[in-house]
């Protein structure tokens, strides 16, 4: 009877995301992929792609940030509410950046 109660408590805690244990090989794989993406960013900086250099560097940086948030901050194993909170923060950030860029593009730089 006592082992049954402990099993139920463990299942509830694991379902709530409180006791998820990530194995070290996953952390090593994520670390190595972050190192490879950093090397890719450095390598791409030597290739002249015109205006797309910044676009590619930012795309790689966003992918690296996603890996860090999902696995090192354990959002991948969290509840839907926490995932929604991170998504709402990302949406707010993108909204503010787009509004800032709209203002920046609409200015008459050098026309006065």
Foldseek 3Di string as FASTA:
>chain_A
DVVVVVVVVVVVCQLQLNDDDDDVVVVVVLVVVLVVLVVVLVVLVVDDPDPCNVVVNVVSVVVNVVSCCVPVVVPVSHDPVVVVVVVVVVVVVVVVVVVVVVVVVPDDPPPD
